[in-house]
């Protein structure tokens, strides 16, 4: 999956965020989803959006 996502990102010239939560027990997953340790999936989505903005600015400068 990661190789395919990387290939798509390069082919299309867009950032792709890929975050997986590996948790055992369920309480760890819930903590990573926003209870105790912040929303890790949301963090990954924000990072991809920020990378898209940086790429847009870099392309505008050229």
N, C-alpha and C. Protein backbone atom coordinates (compact mmCIF):
# COMPACT_ATOMS: atom_id res chain seq x y z
N UNK A 1 0.83 -1.19 0.00
CA UNK A 1 0.00 0.00 0.00
C UNK A 1 0.87 1.25 0.00
N UNK A 2 1.90 1.27 0.84
CA UNK A 2 2.73 2.47 0.91
C UNK A 2 3.46 2.73 -0.40
N UNK A 3 3.91 1.68 -1.08
CA UNK A 3 4.57 1.87 -2.37
C UNK A 3 3.61 2.46 -3.39
N UNK A 4 2.38 1.96 -3.41
CA UNK A 4 1.39 2.46 -4.36
C UNK A 4 1.05 3.92 -4.06
N UNK A 5 0.89 4.26 -2.80
CA UNK A 5 0.60 5.65 -2.45
C UNK A 5 1.75 6.57 -2.82
N UNK A 6 2.98 6.10 -2.60
CA UNK A 6 4.14 6.89 -2.99
C UNK A 6 4.19 7.11 -4.49
N UNK A 7 3.88 6.07 -5.26
CA UNK A 7 3.87 6.19 -6.72
C UNK A 7 2.80 7.17 -7.18
N UNK A 8 1.64 7.13 -6.57
CA UNK A 8 0.57 8.06 -6.93
C UNK A 8 0.98 9.49 -6.61
N UNK A 9 1.60 9.69 -5.44
CA UNK A 9 2.04 11.03 -5.06
C UNK A 9 3.03 11.59 -6.06
N UNK A 10 3.98 10.77 -6.49
CA UNK A 10 4.99 11.22 -7.46
C UNK A 10 4.35 11.46 -8.82
N UNK A 11 3.51 10.53 -9.26
CA UNK A 11 2.86 10.63 -10.57
C UNK A 11 1.98 11.87 -10.67
N UNK A 12 1.22 12.14 -9.64
CA UNK A 12 0.28 13.26 -9.66
C UNK A 12 0.87 14.56 -9.12
N UNK A 13 2.00 14.47 -8.45
CA UNK A 13 2.62 15.66 -7.88
C UNK A 13 1.85 16.22 -6.70
N UNK A 14 1.24 15.33 -5.92
CA UNK A 14 0.47 15.77 -4.76
C UNK A 14 0.92 15.01 -3.52
N UNK A 15 0.84 15.65 -2.35
CA UNK A 15 1.17 14.93 -1.13
C UNK A 15 0.03 14.01 -0.72
N UNK A 16 0.38 12.87 -0.19
CA UNK A 16 -0.62 11.92 0.31
C UNK A 16 -0.22 11.54 1.72
N UNK A 17 -1.12 11.75 2.65
CA UNK A 17 -0.88 11.35 4.03
C UNK A 17 -1.32 9.92 4.25
N UNK A 18 -0.52 9.18 4.99
CA UNK A 18 -0.84 7.78 5.26
C UNK A 18 -0.51 7.51 6.71
N UNK A 19 -1.52 7.39 7.51
CA UNK A 19 -1.31 7.14 8.93
C UNK A 19 -2.07 5.91 9.37
N UNK A 20 -1.40 5.04 10.08
CA UNK A 20 -2.03 3.83 10.59
C UNK A 20 -1.83 3.80 12.10
N UNK A 21 -2.90 3.55 12.80
CA UNK A 21 -2.81 3.37 14.25
C UNK A 21 -2.74 1.88 14.53
N UNK A 22 -1.66 1.46 15.15
CA UNK A 22 -1.56 0.08 15.59
C UNK A 22 -1.71 0.09 17.10
N UNK A 23 -2.80 -0.45 17.57
CA UNK A 23 -3.10 -0.36 18.99
C UNK A 23 -3.67 -1.67 19.52
N UNK A 24 -3.28 -1.97 20.73
CA UNK A 24 -3.85 -3.09 21.45
C UNK A 24 -3.66 -2.77 22.92
N UNK A 25 -4.65 -2.55 23.63
CA UNK A 25 -6.08 -2.81 23.46
C UNK A 25 -6.82 -1.64 22.82
N UNK A 26 -8.12 -1.76 22.75
CA UNK A 26 -8.97 -0.75 22.14
C UNK A 26 -8.76 0.61 22.79
N UNK A 27 -8.48 0.65 24.05
CA UNK A 27 -8.28 1.93 24.75
C UNK A 27 -7.13 2.73 24.13
N UNK A 28 -6.08 2.06 23.68
CA UNK A 28 -4.97 2.75 23.01
C UNK A 28 -5.45 3.39 21.72
N UNK A 29 -6.28 2.69 20.98
CA UNK A 29 -6.81 3.23 19.72
C UNK A 29 -7.68 4.45 20.00
N UNK A 30 -8.50 4.38 21.02
CA UNK A 30 -9.35 5.51 21.36
C UNK A 30 -8.53 6.72 21.79
N UNK A 31 -7.46 6.50 22.55
CA UNK A 31 -6.58 7.59 22.94
C UNK A 31 -5.94 8.25 21.71
N UNK A 32 -5.54 7.45 20.73
CA UNK A 32 -4.92 7.98 19.51
C UNK A 32 -5.93 8.66 18.61
N UNK A 33 -7.20 8.39 18.83
CA UNK A 33 -8.25 8.98 18.00
C UNK A 33 -8.80 10.27 18.61
N UNK A 34 -8.16 10.77 19.64
CA UNK A 34 -8.56 12.07 20.12
C UNK A 34 -8.86 12.21 21.59
N UNK A 35 -8.79 11.16 22.35
CA UNK A 35 -9.13 11.30 23.76
C UNK A 35 -7.95 11.85 24.56
N UNK A 36 -6.92 11.07 24.75
CA UNK A 36 -5.84 11.47 25.64
C UNK A 36 -4.63 12.06 24.91
N UNK A 37 -4.32 11.56 23.75
CA UNK A 37 -3.08 11.95 23.06
C UNK A 37 -3.32 12.75 21.78
N UNK A 38 -4.47 13.35 21.62
CA UNK A 38 -4.77 14.09 20.40
C UNK A 38 -5.23 13.15 19.29
N UNK A 39 -5.71 13.73 18.22
CA UNK A 39 -6.24 12.95 17.11
C UNK A 39 -5.15 12.74 16.07
N UNK A 40 -4.54 11.58 16.09
CA UNK A 40 -3.40 11.30 15.20
C UNK A 40 -3.82 11.26 13.73
N UNK A 41 -5.02 10.77 13.44
CA UNK A 41 -5.50 10.79 12.06
C UNK A 41 -5.70 12.21 11.57
N UNK A 42 -6.26 13.05 12.42
CA UNK A 42 -6.43 14.47 12.08
C UNK A 42 -5.09 15.15 11.87
N UNK A 43 -4.11 14.81 12.70
CA UNK A 43 -2.76 15.37 12.54
C UNK A 43 -2.18 15.01 11.17
N UNK A 44 -2.37 13.76 10.75
CA UNK A 44 -1.86 13.32 9.44
C UNK A 44 -2.55 14.08 8.31
N UNK A 45 -3.85 14.29 8.43
CA UNK A 45 -4.59 15.02 7.40
C UNK A 45 -4.13 16.48 7.33
N UNK A 46 -3.93 17.11 8.47
CA UNK A 46 -3.44 18.49 8.49
C UNK A 46 -2.05 18.59 7.86
N UNK A 47 -1.19 17.63 8.16
CA UNK A 47 0.16 17.63 7.58
C UNK A 47 0.10 17.53 6.06
N UNK A 48 -0.77 16.69 5.53
CA UNK A 48 -0.90 16.57 4.07
C UNK A 48 -1.41 17.88 3.48
N UNK A 49 -2.34 18.52 4.14
CA UNK A 49 -2.84 19.81 3.66
C UNK A 49 -1.76 20.88 3.67
N UNK A 50 -0.95 20.90 4.72
CA UNK A 50 0.14 21.86 4.79
C UNK A 50 1.17 21.61 3.70
N UNK A 51 1.46 20.34 3.42
CA UNK A 51 2.40 20.02 2.34
C UNK A 51 1.84 20.47 1.00
N UNK A 52 0.54 20.33 0.79
CA UNK A 52 -0.08 20.77 -0.46
C UNK A 52 0.08 22.28 -0.61
N UNK A 53 -0.09 23.03 0.47
CA UNK A 53 0.08 24.48 0.41
C UNK A 53 1.51 24.87 0.09
N UNK A 54 2.47 24.17 0.68
CA UNK A 54 3.89 24.45 0.40
C UNK A 54 4.19 24.18 -1.07
N UNK A 55 3.71 23.06 -1.60
CA UNK A 55 3.94 22.75 -3.01
C UNK A 55 3.32 23.81 -3.92
N UNK A 56 2.13 24.27 -3.57
CA UNK A 56 1.46 25.31 -4.36
C UNK A 56 2.29 26.59 -4.36
N UNK A 57 2.82 26.97 -3.20
CA UNK A 57 3.66 28.17 -3.11
C UNK A 57 4.95 28.00 -3.90
N UNK A 58 5.56 26.83 -3.83
CA UNK A 58 6.79 26.59 -4.57
C UNK A 58 6.56 26.67 -6.08
N UNK A 59 5.45 26.12 -6.54
CA UNK A 59 5.13 26.17 -7.96
C UNK A 59 4.84 27.60 -8.41
N UNK A 60 4.24 28.40 -7.53
CA UNK A 60 3.93 29.79 -7.87
C UNK A 60 5.20 30.63 -7.97
N UNK A 61 6.23 30.27 -7.21
CA UNK A 61 7.49 31.01 -7.23
C UNK A 61 8.31 30.73 -8.48
N UNK A 62 8.03 29.65 -9.18
CA UNK A 62 8.83 29.29 -10.36
C UNK A 62 8.26 29.85 -11.61
